[in-house]
N, C-alpha and C. Protein backbone atom coordinates (compact mmCIF):
# COMPACT_ATOMS: atom_id res chain seq x y z
N MET A 1 0.73 -1.17 -0.05
CA MET A 1 0.05 0.01 0.13
C MET A 1 0.96 1.38 -0.02
N THR A 2 0.54 2.07 -0.83
CA THR A 2 1.51 3.45 -1.00
C THR A 2 0.97 4.33 0.05
N GLN A 3 1.83 4.87 1.04
CA GLN A 3 1.63 6.08 2.08
C GLN A 3 1.47 7.10 1.32
N ARG A 4 0.35 7.46 1.05
CA ARG A 4 -0.26 8.71 0.09
C ARG A 4 -0.40 9.94 1.37
N LEU A 5 -0.65 9.43 2.70
CA LEU A 5 -0.70 10.71 3.65
C LEU A 5 0.26 10.54 4.84
N ALA A 6 1.49 10.23 3.89
CA ALA A 6 2.45 10.14 5.08
C ALA A 6 2.99 11.83 5.55
N GLY A 7 3.36 11.66 7.04
CA GLY A 7 3.44 13.29 7.58
C GLY A 7 2.50 13.45 8.08
N GLN A 8 0.66 13.15 7.53
CA GLN A 8 -0.25 13.91 8.14
C GLN A 8 -0.92 13.16 9.40
N VAL A 9 -1.57 14.04 10.20
CA VAL A 9 -2.43 13.30 11.65
C VAL A 9 -3.63 13.37 11.27
N ALA A 10 -4.29 12.09 11.34
CA ALA A 10 -5.61 11.78 11.51
C ALA A 10 -6.39 11.73 13.12
N LEU A 11 -7.47 12.26 13.31
CA LEU A 11 -8.11 12.09 14.73
C LEU A 11 -9.15 11.44 14.38
N VAL A 12 -9.26 10.45 14.77
CA VAL A 12 -10.70 9.17 14.81
C VAL A 12 -11.24 9.05 15.75
N THR A 13 -12.59 9.53 16.02
CA THR A 13 -13.44 8.75 17.26
C THR A 13 -13.83 7.63 17.06
N GLY A 14 -14.18 6.80 17.96
CA GLY A 14 -14.80 5.73 17.96
C GLY A 14 -13.63 4.53 17.83
N ALA A 15 -12.33 4.85 17.78
CA ALA A 15 -11.34 4.02 17.12
C ALA A 15 -11.09 2.88 18.05
N ALA A 16 -11.79 2.47 19.10
CA ALA A 16 -11.95 1.46 19.70
C ALA A 16 -13.13 0.27 18.93
N GLY A 17 -13.68 1.20 18.24
CA GLY A 17 -15.08 0.06 17.56
C GLY A 17 -14.80 -0.52 16.57
N GLY A 18 -15.61 -1.17 15.95
CA GLY A 18 -15.47 -1.79 14.81
C GLY A 18 -15.13 -0.76 13.51
N ILE A 19 -16.05 0.16 13.01
CA ILE A 19 -15.83 0.94 11.88
C ILE A 19 -14.87 2.25 12.38
N GLY A 20 -15.00 2.50 13.48
CA GLY A 20 -13.61 3.87 13.75
C GLY A 20 -12.27 2.66 13.74
N GLY A 21 -12.19 1.85 14.41
CA GLY A 21 -11.23 0.82 14.53
C GLY A 21 -10.40 0.88 12.90
N ALA A 22 -11.61 0.45 11.97
CA ALA A 22 -10.96 0.09 10.53
C ALA A 22 -10.39 1.39 9.95
N ILE A 23 -10.93 2.32 10.32
CA ILE A 23 -10.51 3.80 9.73
C ILE A 23 -9.51 3.87 10.24
N ALA A 24 -9.12 3.83 11.36
CA ALA A 24 -7.87 4.28 12.16
C ALA A 24 -6.67 3.50 11.40
N ALA A 25 -6.80 2.14 11.52
CA ALA A 25 -6.00 1.30 10.90
C ALA A 25 -5.38 1.56 9.32
N ARG A 26 -6.75 2.10 8.50
CA ARG A 26 -6.53 2.25 7.20
C ARG A 26 -5.85 3.41 6.60
N PHE A 27 -6.16 4.58 7.86
CA PHE A 27 -5.29 5.49 8.09
C PHE A 27 -3.77 5.74 8.34
N ALA A 28 -3.70 4.73 9.32
CA ALA A 28 -2.31 4.67 9.27
C ALA A 28 -1.43 3.58 8.45
N GLY A 29 -2.19 2.81 7.82
CA GLY A 29 -1.63 2.40 6.26
C GLY A 29 -1.35 3.10 5.51
N GLU A 30 -1.63 4.36 5.41
CA GLU A 30 -1.61 5.17 4.42
C GLU A 30 -0.19 6.38 5.09
N GLY A 31 0.06 6.19 6.13
CA GLY A 31 1.05 7.06 7.04
C GLY A 31 0.91 7.98 7.63
N CYS A 32 -0.36 7.82 8.08
CA CYS A 32 -0.71 8.91 9.04
C CYS A 32 -0.46 8.43 10.30
N ARG A 33 -0.19 9.71 11.33
CA ARG A 33 -0.26 9.64 12.54
C ARG A 33 -1.61 9.50 12.94
N ILE A 34 -2.21 8.59 14.12
CA ILE A 34 -3.40 8.41 14.56
C ILE A 34 -3.21 9.08 16.00
N ILE A 35 -4.56 10.26 16.00
CA ILE A 35 -4.96 10.39 17.61
C ILE A 35 -6.38 9.64 17.51
N ALA A 36 -6.15 8.61 18.54
CA ALA A 36 -7.51 7.93 18.58
C ALA A 36 -8.40 7.94 20.04
N LEU A 37 -9.48 8.31 19.81
CA LEU A 37 -10.31 8.60 20.80
C LEU A 37 -11.71 7.94 20.93
N ASP A 38 -12.10 7.31 22.41
CA ASP A 38 -13.22 6.30 22.55
C ASP A 38 -13.15 6.26 23.60
N ARG A 39 -14.46 5.56 24.37
CA ARG A 39 -14.40 5.53 25.54
C ARG A 39 -13.69 4.57 26.60
N ALA A 40 -13.64 3.33 25.54
CA ALA A 40 -12.38 2.53 25.86
C ALA A 40 -11.15 2.49 24.86
N GLU A 41 -10.43 1.97 25.64
CA GLU A 41 -8.94 2.33 25.06
C GLU A 41 -8.64 1.39 23.51
N ALA A 42 -8.05 2.57 22.59
CA ALA A 42 -8.16 1.82 21.24
C ALA A 42 -6.89 1.01 21.57
N PRO A 43 -7.04 0.01 20.37
CA PRO A 43 -5.80 -1.40 20.37
C PRO A 43 -4.71 -0.43 20.20
N SER A 44 -4.67 0.81 19.10
CA SER A 44 -3.34 1.23 18.57
C SER A 44 -3.79 2.95 17.97
N GLY A 45 -2.38 3.29 17.97
CA GLY A 45 -2.46 4.96 17.79
C GLY A 45 -1.42 6.06 18.42
N ASP A 46 -0.87 6.94 17.73
CA ASP A 46 0.32 7.47 18.12
C ASP A 46 0.25 8.45 19.74
N LEU A 47 -1.44 8.79 19.47
CA LEU A 47 -1.90 9.04 21.09
C LEU A 47 -3.19 8.59 21.03
N ARG A 48 -3.49 8.13 22.26
CA ARG A 48 -4.78 6.96 22.57
C ARG A 48 -5.28 7.93 23.90
N LEU A 49 -6.84 8.01 23.84
CA LEU A 49 -7.36 9.20 24.69
C LEU A 49 -8.28 8.52 25.02
N LEU A 50 -9.08 8.35 26.32
CA LEU A 50 -10.20 8.08 26.57
C LEU A 50 -10.93 9.14 26.78
N CYS A 51 -12.14 8.82 25.98
CA CYS A 51 -13.11 10.34 26.15
C CYS A 51 -14.68 9.88 25.54
N ASP A 52 -15.59 10.67 26.56
CA ASP A 52 -16.83 10.03 26.22
C ASP A 52 -17.20 11.21 25.38
N LEU A 53 -17.82 11.02 24.37
CA LEU A 53 -18.17 11.99 23.64
C LEU A 53 -19.34 12.49 23.20
N GLY A 54 -20.09 11.98 24.52
CA GLY A 54 -21.12 12.78 24.53
C GLY A 54 -21.56 13.59 25.51
N ASP A 55 -20.10 13.57 26.40
CA ASP A 55 -19.78 14.67 27.65
C ASP A 55 -19.07 15.86 27.17
N GLU A 56 -19.61 17.03 27.19
CA GLU A 56 -18.83 18.42 26.80
C GLU A 56 -17.34 18.54 27.48
N THR A 57 -17.49 18.37 29.15
CA THR A 57 -16.32 18.27 29.72
C THR A 57 -15.49 17.40 29.15
N SER A 58 -15.38 15.96 29.00
CA SER A 58 -14.50 14.66 28.87
C SER A 58 -14.21 15.28 27.35
N LEU A 59 -14.94 15.98 26.24
CA LEU A 59 -14.43 16.37 25.03
C LEU A 59 -13.33 17.31 25.17
N ALA A 60 -13.56 18.06 25.94
CA ALA A 60 -12.87 19.39 26.07
C ALA A 60 -11.24 19.44 26.64
N HIS A 61 -11.17 18.29 27.98
CA HIS A 61 -10.39 17.69 28.23
C HIS A 61 -9.60 16.57 26.94
N ALA A 62 -10.05 16.13 26.11
CA ALA A 62 -9.38 15.44 25.14
C ALA A 62 -8.84 16.38 24.41
N VAL A 63 -9.62 17.42 23.59
CA VAL A 63 -9.24 18.68 22.93
C VAL A 63 -7.70 19.16 23.40
N ASP A 64 -7.75 19.42 25.04
CA ASP A 64 -6.66 19.96 25.51
C ASP A 64 -5.41 19.13 25.49
N ALA A 65 -5.71 17.89 25.74
CA ALA A 65 -4.62 16.88 25.55
C ALA A 65 -4.08 16.95 24.48
N ILE A 66 -4.53 16.78 23.34
CA ILE A 66 -4.04 16.81 22.12
C ILE A 66 -3.46 17.98 21.65
N ARG A 67 -4.10 19.11 22.02
CA ARG A 67 -2.98 20.47 21.77
C ARG A 67 -1.93 20.55 22.74
N THR A 68 -1.73 20.02 23.74
CA THR A 68 -0.84 19.66 24.80
C THR A 68 0.55 18.79 23.92
N SER A 69 -0.01 17.79 23.31
CA SER A 69 0.79 16.74 22.56
C SER A 69 1.53 17.40 21.47
N GLY A 70 1.22 18.25 20.89
CA GLY A 70 1.91 19.22 19.56
C GLY A 70 1.01 18.50 18.55
N LEU A 71 0.39 17.47 18.49
CA LEU A 71 -0.40 16.82 17.24
C LEU A 71 -1.37 17.68 16.41
N GLU A 72 -1.34 18.15 15.66
CA GLU A 72 -2.14 18.81 14.93
C GLU A 72 -3.22 17.93 14.15
N PRO A 73 -4.47 18.05 14.32
CA PRO A 73 -5.00 17.16 13.04
C PRO A 73 -5.06 17.71 11.65
N ASP A 74 -4.89 17.26 10.61
CA ASP A 74 -5.00 17.20 9.16
C ASP A 74 -6.37 16.41 8.84
N ILE A 75 -7.00 15.60 9.25
CA ILE A 75 -8.36 14.80 9.09
C ILE A 75 -8.95 14.76 10.39
N VAL A 76 -10.15 14.81 10.49
CA VAL A 76 -10.61 14.49 11.58
C VAL A 76 -12.05 13.49 11.20
N VAL A 77 -12.08 12.23 11.71
CA VAL A 77 -12.90 11.65 11.31
C VAL A 77 -13.94 11.22 12.52
N HIS A 78 -15.24 11.62 12.77
CA HIS A 78 -16.28 11.64 13.61
C HIS A 78 -16.99 9.89 13.58
N ALA A 79 -16.39 8.77 13.91
CA ALA A 79 -17.17 7.53 13.33
C ALA A 79 -17.60 7.05 14.89
N ALA A 80 -17.47 7.67 15.88
CA ALA A 80 -18.44 7.19 17.41
C ALA A 80 -19.68 7.93 16.97
N ALA A 81 -20.54 6.80 17.69
CA ALA A 81 -21.94 6.84 17.65
C ALA A 81 -22.65 5.94 18.45
N MET A 82 -23.90 6.70 18.99
CA MET A 82 -24.56 6.33 19.81
C MET A 82 -26.08 5.50 19.05
N GLY A 83 -25.91 4.05 19.07
CA GLY A 83 -27.07 3.65 18.03
C GLY A 83 -28.16 2.66 18.55
N ASP A 84 -28.25 3.02 19.89
CA ASP A 84 -29.46 2.48 20.77
C ASP A 84 -30.87 2.76 20.02
N SER A 85 -31.37 1.65 19.97
CA SER A 85 -32.78 1.67 19.44
C SER A 85 -34.15 1.53 20.67
N ARG A 86 -34.96 2.48 20.40
CA ARG A 86 -36.38 2.65 21.26
C ARG A 86 -37.08 2.92 20.51
N PRO A 87 -38.71 2.66 20.66
CA PRO A 87 -39.72 2.76 19.89
C PRO A 87 -39.99 4.42 20.05
N THR A 88 -40.59 4.95 19.10
CA THR A 88 -40.67 6.32 19.19
C THR A 88 -41.60 6.73 20.19
N MET A 89 -42.37 5.82 20.77
CA MET A 89 -43.28 6.48 22.01
C MET A 89 -42.98 6.11 23.20
N ASP A 90 -41.53 5.76 23.34
CA ASP A 90 -40.62 5.18 24.36
C ASP A 90 -39.53 5.98 24.46
N THR A 91 -39.56 7.38 23.36
CA THR A 91 -38.17 8.24 23.15
C THR A 91 -38.29 9.06 24.16
N ASP A 92 -37.68 9.39 25.29
CA ASP A 92 -37.81 10.83 26.17
C ASP A 92 -36.60 11.57 25.96
N ALA A 93 -37.07 13.02 26.42
CA ALA A 93 -35.91 14.00 25.75
C ALA A 93 -34.90 13.44 26.41
N ALA A 94 -34.32 12.78 27.29
CA ALA A 94 -32.84 12.71 28.09
C ALA A 94 -32.25 11.59 27.00
N PHE A 95 -33.15 10.81 26.55
CA PHE A 95 -32.51 9.66 25.31
C PHE A 95 -32.38 10.31 24.11
N LEU A 96 -32.92 11.36 23.86
CA LEU A 96 -32.99 11.86 22.59
C LEU A 96 -31.58 12.95 22.63
N ALA A 97 -31.54 13.63 23.66
CA ALA A 97 -30.34 14.49 24.13
C ALA A 97 -29.12 13.79 24.17
N GLN A 98 -29.03 12.64 24.62
CA GLN A 98 -27.75 11.99 24.53
C GLN A 98 -27.52 11.31 23.25
N MET A 99 -28.27 11.19 22.61
CA MET A 99 -28.29 10.53 20.85
C MET A 99 -27.82 11.77 20.32
N PHE A 100 -28.12 13.14 20.19
CA PHE A 100 -27.81 14.09 19.68
C PHE A 100 -26.45 14.75 20.33
N ALA A 101 -26.04 14.27 21.49
CA ALA A 101 -24.80 14.87 22.06
C ALA A 101 -23.36 14.01 21.38
N VAL A 102 -23.94 12.74 21.28
CA VAL A 102 -22.64 11.71 21.09
C VAL A 102 -22.84 11.98 19.44
N ASN A 103 -23.87 11.88 18.74
CA ASN A 103 -23.83 11.74 16.73
C ASN A 103 -23.71 12.83 16.30
N VAL A 104 -24.12 14.33 16.85
CA VAL A 104 -23.97 15.53 16.29
C VAL A 104 -23.47 16.48 17.06
N GLY A 105 -23.77 16.63 18.28
CA GLY A 105 -22.49 17.85 18.74
C GLY A 105 -21.34 17.43 19.29
N ALA A 106 -20.91 16.10 19.09
CA ALA A 106 -19.12 15.98 19.16
C ALA A 106 -18.93 16.31 17.83
N ALA A 107 -19.62 16.39 16.97
CA ALA A 107 -19.07 16.38 15.26
C ALA A 107 -18.92 17.97 15.51
N LEU A 108 -19.83 18.66 15.68
CA LEU A 108 -19.59 20.01 15.93
C LEU A 108 -18.86 20.52 16.64
N SER A 109 -18.50 20.03 17.89
CA SER A 109 -17.35 20.22 18.87
C SER A 109 -16.07 20.24 18.16
N LEU A 110 -15.71 19.09 17.74
CA LEU A 110 -14.57 18.78 16.90
C LEU A 110 -14.40 19.81 15.52
N ALA A 111 -15.24 20.61 15.01
CA ALA A 111 -14.79 21.37 13.81
C ALA A 111 -14.60 22.68 14.69
N GLN A 112 -15.71 22.74 15.68
CA GLN A 112 -14.93 24.42 16.20
C GLN A 112 -13.66 24.47 17.03
N ALA A 113 -13.06 23.06 17.04
CA ALA A 113 -11.93 22.89 17.71
C ALA A 113 -10.80 22.94 16.80
N PHE A 114 -10.81 22.12 15.79
CA PHE A 114 -9.99 22.23 14.83
C PHE A 114 -10.18 22.77 13.55
N ALA A 115 -11.09 23.18 12.96
CA ALA A 115 -11.05 23.95 11.70
C ALA A 115 -10.59 25.26 11.79
N PRO A 116 -10.54 25.77 12.66
CA PRO A 116 -9.54 26.94 12.53
C PRO A 116 -8.10 27.20 12.20
N GLY A 117 -7.47 25.61 12.81
CA GLY A 117 -6.17 25.55 12.00
C GLY A 117 -6.27 24.96 10.93
N MET A 118 -7.00 24.25 10.51
CA MET A 118 -7.21 23.79 9.18
C MET A 118 -7.32 25.11 8.05
N GLN A 119 -7.99 25.77 8.30
CA GLN A 119 -8.36 26.82 7.79
C GLN A 119 -7.04 28.01 7.75
N ALA A 120 -6.40 28.28 8.70
CA ALA A 120 -4.93 28.86 8.74
C ALA A 120 -4.22 28.32 7.82
N ARG A 121 -4.31 26.44 7.79
CA ARG A 121 -2.81 26.21 6.84
C ARG A 121 -3.51 25.99 5.37
N LYS A 122 -5.03 26.25 5.36
CA LYS A 122 -5.28 26.20 3.97
C LYS A 122 -5.80 24.53 3.38
N ARG A 123 -5.72 23.90 4.38
CA ARG A 123 -5.79 22.40 3.97
C ARG A 123 -6.25 21.74 5.36
N GLY A 124 -6.97 20.02 4.69
CA GLY A 124 -7.48 19.88 6.11
C GLY A 124 -9.25 19.18 5.22
N CYS A 125 -9.35 18.48 6.45
CA CYS A 125 -10.75 17.58 5.93
C CYS A 125 -11.43 17.05 7.21
N PHE A 126 -12.91 17.06 7.27
CA PHE A 126 -13.47 16.32 8.23
C PHE A 126 -14.37 15.16 7.22
N LEU A 127 -14.67 14.30 8.14
CA LEU A 127 -15.45 13.12 7.58
C LEU A 127 -16.46 12.43 9.10
N PHE A 128 -17.68 12.77 8.71
CA PHE A 128 -18.78 12.24 9.44
C PHE A 128 -18.96 11.05 9.07
N VAL A 129 -18.94 9.84 9.71
CA VAL A 129 -19.99 8.68 9.47
C VAL A 129 -21.29 8.88 10.07
N SER A 130 -22.02 8.73 9.10
CA SER A 130 -23.26 8.97 9.03
C SER A 130 -24.03 7.48 9.20
N SER A 131 -25.34 7.52 8.13
CA SER A 131 -25.88 6.05 8.34
C SER A 131 -27.02 6.04 7.15
N ILE A 132 -27.29 5.22 6.28
CA ILE A 132 -28.38 5.18 5.41
C ILE A 132 -29.84 5.48 6.25
N ASN A 133 -29.76 5.51 7.54
CA ASN A 133 -31.08 5.63 8.44
C ASN A 133 -31.21 7.12 8.52
N SER A 134 -30.58 7.86 7.83
CA SER A 134 -30.69 9.47 8.09
C SER A 134 -32.04 10.06 6.97
N THR A 135 -31.94 8.95 5.87
CA THR A 135 -33.29 9.06 4.90
C THR A 135 -33.84 7.69 4.97
N TYR A 136 -33.90 6.63 5.33
CA TYR A 136 -34.27 5.36 5.47
C TYR A 136 -34.88 4.87 6.78
N ALA A 137 -36.09 5.10 6.94
CA ALA A 137 -36.99 4.81 7.86
C ALA A 137 -36.89 3.30 8.28
N THR A 138 -36.62 3.08 9.93
CA THR A 138 -36.67 1.68 10.35
C THR A 138 -37.21 2.08 12.04
N PRO A 139 -38.25 1.36 12.33
CA PRO A 139 -38.81 1.36 13.61
C PRO A 139 -38.09 1.03 14.30
N GLY A 140 -38.07 2.13 15.47
CA GLY A 140 -37.30 1.76 16.80
C GLY A 140 -36.13 2.54 16.70
N LEU A 141 -35.90 3.09 15.15
CA LEU A 141 -34.69 4.20 15.08
C LEU A 141 -34.98 5.81 14.93
N ALA A 142 -35.95 6.11 15.65
CA ALA A 142 -36.18 7.62 15.19
C ALA A 142 -35.50 8.47 16.02
N ALA A 143 -34.72 8.12 17.03
CA ALA A 143 -34.07 9.06 17.56
C ALA A 143 -32.32 9.31 16.91
N TYR A 144 -31.94 7.77 16.59
CA TYR A 144 -30.64 7.62 15.83
C TYR A 144 -30.80 8.24 14.09
N ALA A 145 -32.04 7.95 13.84
CA ALA A 145 -32.41 8.35 12.51
C ALA A 145 -32.24 10.06 12.52
N ALA A 146 -33.12 10.60 13.18
CA ALA A 146 -32.92 11.85 13.19
C ALA A 146 -31.92 12.48 13.56
N SER A 147 -30.75 11.99 14.52
CA SER A 147 -29.80 12.45 14.72
C SER A 147 -28.66 12.46 13.43
N LYS A 148 -28.87 10.98 13.07
CA LYS A 148 -27.92 11.08 11.54
C LYS A 148 -28.21 12.18 10.69
N ALA A 149 -30.07 12.49 10.54
CA ALA A 149 -30.10 13.32 9.55
C ALA A 149 -29.41 14.70 9.59
N ALA A 150 -29.64 15.02 10.92
CA ALA A 150 -29.17 16.45 11.34
C ALA A 150 -27.63 16.56 11.18
N LEU A 151 -26.93 15.48 11.28
CA LEU A 151 -25.43 15.53 11.02
C LEU A 151 -25.04 15.76 9.80
N ASP A 152 -26.01 15.00 8.72
CA ASP A 152 -25.53 15.55 7.33
C ASP A 152 -25.93 16.60 6.92
N SER A 153 -27.32 17.25 7.95
CA SER A 153 -27.37 18.77 7.47
C SER A 153 -26.22 19.86 8.06
N LEU A 154 -25.66 19.19 9.02
CA LEU A 154 -24.53 19.89 9.47
C LEU A 154 -23.26 19.70 8.75
N MET A 155 -23.21 18.41 8.12
CA MET A 155 -22.14 18.45 7.27
C MET A 155 -22.20 19.29 6.10
N ARG A 156 -23.35 19.36 5.87
CA ARG A 156 -23.49 20.19 4.05
C ARG A 156 -23.11 21.74 4.69
N THR A 157 -23.76 22.15 5.83
CA THR A 157 -23.69 23.48 6.10
C THR A 157 -22.21 24.18 6.02
N LEU A 158 -21.80 22.82 6.94
CA LEU A 158 -20.13 23.35 7.27
C LEU A 158 -19.43 23.28 6.05
N ALA A 159 -19.36 22.42 5.12
CA ALA A 159 -18.73 22.38 3.99
C ALA A 159 -18.97 23.55 3.35
N LEU A 160 -19.86 24.15 3.00
CA LEU A 160 -20.24 25.57 2.34
C LEU A 160 -19.30 26.70 2.93
N GLU A 161 -19.49 26.66 4.55
CA GLU A 161 -18.50 27.70 5.10
C GLU A 161 -16.94 27.61 5.11
N LEU A 162 -16.68 26.09 5.20
CA LEU A 162 -15.04 25.71 5.20
C LEU A 162 -14.32 25.94 3.67
N ALA A 163 -15.31 25.75 2.80
CA ALA A 163 -15.13 25.75 1.27
C ALA A 163 -13.72 26.54 0.54
N PRO A 164 -14.20 27.71 1.29
CA PRO A 164 -13.21 28.92 0.83
C PRO A 164 -11.81 28.76 1.49
N ASP A 165 -11.72 28.07 2.23
CA ASP A 165 -10.32 27.98 2.90
C ASP A 165 -9.75 26.78 2.52
N ASN A 166 -10.37 25.89 1.40
CA ASN A 166 -9.88 24.56 1.06
C ASN A 166 -10.08 23.82 2.03
N VAL A 167 -11.07 23.52 3.02
CA VAL A 167 -11.09 22.46 4.06
C VAL A 167 -12.22 21.89 3.57
N ARG A 168 -12.47 20.60 3.43
CA ARG A 168 -13.39 19.80 2.75
C ARG A 168 -14.35 18.92 4.20
N VAL A 169 -15.40 18.90 3.64
CA VAL A 169 -16.52 18.41 4.77
C VAL A 169 -17.00 17.32 4.22
N ASN A 170 -17.52 15.95 4.79
CA ASN A 170 -17.93 14.84 3.90
C ASN A 170 -18.65 14.34 4.93
N SER A 171 -19.57 13.12 4.39
CA SER A 171 -20.46 12.16 5.21
C SER A 171 -20.30 10.99 4.44
N VAL A 172 -20.17 9.73 4.95
CA VAL A 172 -20.50 8.64 4.55
C VAL A 172 -21.42 7.78 5.40
N ARG A 173 -22.40 7.40 4.36
CA ARG A 173 -23.59 6.97 4.83
C ARG A 173 -23.71 5.41 4.46
N PRO A 174 -23.20 4.65 5.14
CA PRO A 174 -23.00 3.06 5.36
C PRO A 174 -24.59 2.48 5.48
N ALA A 175 -24.75 1.20 4.89
CA ALA A 175 -26.06 0.67 5.54
C ALA A 175 -25.81 -0.21 6.44
N SER A 176 -26.02 -1.48 6.90
CA SER A 176 -25.58 -2.40 7.97
C SER A 176 -24.10 -2.82 7.75
N ILE A 177 -23.40 -2.50 8.79
CA ILE A 177 -21.95 -2.88 8.56
C ILE A 177 -21.91 -4.20 9.75
N ASP A 178 -21.18 -5.01 9.91
CA ASP A 178 -21.14 -6.19 10.89
C ASP A 178 -20.11 -5.80 11.83
N THR A 179 -20.70 -4.87 12.85
CA THR A 179 -19.65 -4.57 14.22
C THR A 179 -20.48 -5.32 15.28
N PRO A 180 -19.95 -5.06 16.31
CA PRO A 180 -20.45 -5.59 17.69
C PRO A 180 -21.86 -4.78 18.08
N LEU A 181 -21.62 -3.45 17.77
CA LEU A 181 -22.78 -2.55 17.73
C LEU A 181 -24.15 -3.22 16.80
N TRP A 182 -24.01 -3.56 15.76
CA TRP A 182 -24.96 -4.22 14.97
C TRP A 182 -25.08 -5.71 15.16
N ARG A 183 -24.47 -6.35 16.01
CA ARG A 183 -24.52 -7.58 16.46
C ARG A 183 -25.42 -7.48 17.40
N ARG A 184 -25.14 -6.53 18.38
CA ARG A 184 -26.18 -6.42 19.70
C ARG A 184 -27.29 -6.28 19.26
N GLY A 185 -27.65 -5.31 18.09
CA GLY A 185 -28.85 -4.91 17.82
C GLY A 185 -29.85 -6.18 17.30
N MET A 186 -29.11 -7.02 16.74
CA MET A 186 -29.63 -8.26 15.99
C MET A 186 -30.22 -9.51 17.61
N ASP A 187 -29.36 -9.20 17.91
CA ASP A 187 -29.41 -10.04 19.25
C ASP A 187 -30.60 -9.99 20.28
N ALA A 188 -30.55 -8.68 20.29
CA ALA A 188 -31.80 -7.98 20.59
C ALA A 188 -33.48 -8.54 20.23
N GLN A 189 -32.96 -8.85 18.92
CA GLN A 189 -34.56 -9.08 18.32
C GLN A 189 -35.28 -10.65 18.65
N PRO A 190 -36.32 -10.66 18.73
CA PRO A 190 -36.98 -12.21 18.83
C PRO A 190 -36.52 -13.26 18.32
N ASP A 191 -36.00 -13.01 17.30
CA ASP A 191 -35.27 -14.39 16.19
C ASP A 191 -34.16 -13.65 15.59
N PRO A 192 -32.73 -13.96 16.41
CA PRO A 192 -31.81 -13.19 16.00
C PRO A 192 -31.22 -13.63 14.39
N GLN A 193 -31.46 -14.71 14.16
CA GLN A 193 -31.26 -15.09 12.97
C GLN A 193 -31.97 -14.91 11.67
N SER A 194 -33.13 -15.17 11.93
CA SER A 194 -34.53 -14.44 11.29
C SER A 194 -34.08 -12.82 11.08
N ALA A 195 -33.63 -12.56 11.69
CA ALA A 195 -33.63 -10.95 11.73
C ALA A 195 -32.05 -10.52 10.94
N ILE A 196 -31.13 -11.38 11.13
CA ILE A 196 -30.00 -11.14 10.08
C ILE A 196 -30.20 -11.55 8.70
N ALA A 197 -30.90 -12.81 8.38
CA ALA A 197 -31.33 -12.99 7.36
C ALA A 197 -32.28 -12.26 6.59
N ALA A 198 -33.30 -11.36 7.07
CA ALA A 198 -33.99 -10.53 6.36
C ALA A 198 -33.30 -9.18 6.52
N ASN A 199 -32.14 -8.60 7.24
CA ASN A 199 -31.32 -7.70 6.79
C ASN A 199 -30.78 -7.96 5.64
N ILE A 200 -29.90 -9.17 5.92
CA ILE A 200 -29.26 -9.20 4.50
C ILE A 200 -29.91 -9.39 2.78
N LYS A 201 -31.12 -9.48 2.95
CA LYS A 201 -32.02 -9.46 1.60
C LYS A 201 -32.21 -8.14 1.52
N ARG A 202 -32.13 -7.08 2.27
CA ARG A 202 -32.14 -5.59 1.75
C ARG A 202 -30.92 -5.23 1.11
N HIS A 203 -29.65 -5.93 1.18
CA HIS A 203 -28.68 -5.19 0.44
C HIS A 203 -28.65 -6.17 -0.57
N PRO A 204 -28.37 -5.11 -1.95
CA PRO A 204 -28.46 -5.85 -3.38
C PRO A 204 -26.85 -6.70 -3.19
N LEU A 205 -25.98 -6.59 -2.54
CA LEU A 205 -25.02 -7.13 -3.02
C LEU A 205 -25.35 -8.70 -2.39
N GLY A 206 -25.87 -8.83 -1.56
CA GLY A 206 -26.68 -10.31 -0.60
C GLY A 206 -25.62 -10.34 0.36
N ARG A 207 -25.04 -9.36 0.99
CA ARG A 207 -24.18 -9.45 2.17
C ARG A 207 -24.03 -8.22 2.78
N ILE A 208 -24.01 -8.29 4.38
CA ILE A 208 -23.28 -7.29 5.21
C ILE A 208 -22.63 -6.42 5.12
N GLY A 209 -22.16 -5.17 5.24
CA GLY A 209 -21.09 -4.66 5.12
C GLY A 209 -19.95 -4.93 6.18
N GLN A 210 -18.63 -4.75 5.24
CA GLN A 210 -17.35 -4.94 6.76
C GLN A 210 -17.04 -3.66 7.41
N PRO A 211 -16.94 -3.55 8.45
CA PRO A 211 -15.74 -2.17 8.58
C PRO A 211 -14.80 -1.69 7.65
N GLU A 212 -14.00 -2.75 7.22
CA GLU A 212 -13.19 -2.22 6.08
C GLU A 212 -13.72 -1.69 4.87
N ASP A 213 -14.85 -2.06 4.37
CA ASP A 213 -15.64 -1.47 3.39
C ASP A 213 -15.89 0.31 3.61
N VAL A 214 -16.15 0.39 4.84
CA VAL A 214 -16.21 1.96 5.25
C VAL A 214 -14.91 2.78 5.12
N ALA A 215 -13.99 1.76 5.87
CA ALA A 215 -12.50 2.56 5.77
C ALA A 215 -11.88 2.97 4.59
N ALA A 216 -12.53 1.64 3.63
CA ALA A 216 -11.88 2.09 2.04
C ALA A 216 -12.70 3.53 1.53
N LEU A 217 -13.65 4.08 1.84
CA LEU A 217 -14.29 5.00 1.21
C LEU A 217 -13.36 6.37 1.81
């Protein structure tokens, strides 16, 4: 593999998870130094920080630690996500707020923290891992889907605002990806194997995506 990004620094949230871990590994393979953020310790990274992305104080401490380290992100990937399901009628304000804090608020905070440096250098990019559920309705995922739709909207606005300074902002919207989070969702179904089979049938390729598929994007 050619190291197309040698010398650059990539910050990846959710780096201990399936998608985030695969993204961090792919960027490392391309020559990036990795700043890995997650609630659990990431398996690798030049700077590994424990951080609750849904807690403003925790995230602020992580940002301070990054700045103290001397590593300045050229690339910021927000892959961490809260993906819990709950029937719409059982979705209370606290659940909705926590969903938005992790999935949308953290993306905004990271942009506010690191976009100014990218703008000053006239280069950099943000990548938000969204979901097909931002436009595809699934029972039980009202809060999750709403948060991903908001993330897409944030991406579009931020992309326009940062484009004059040559800073790019994009989203990737995967369908079902075989991660521990997805497996937990399937295991919670009355018949997990039937749920998996039905889910596979929704995908034209006839298989569930892998974290490496997302990382390749």
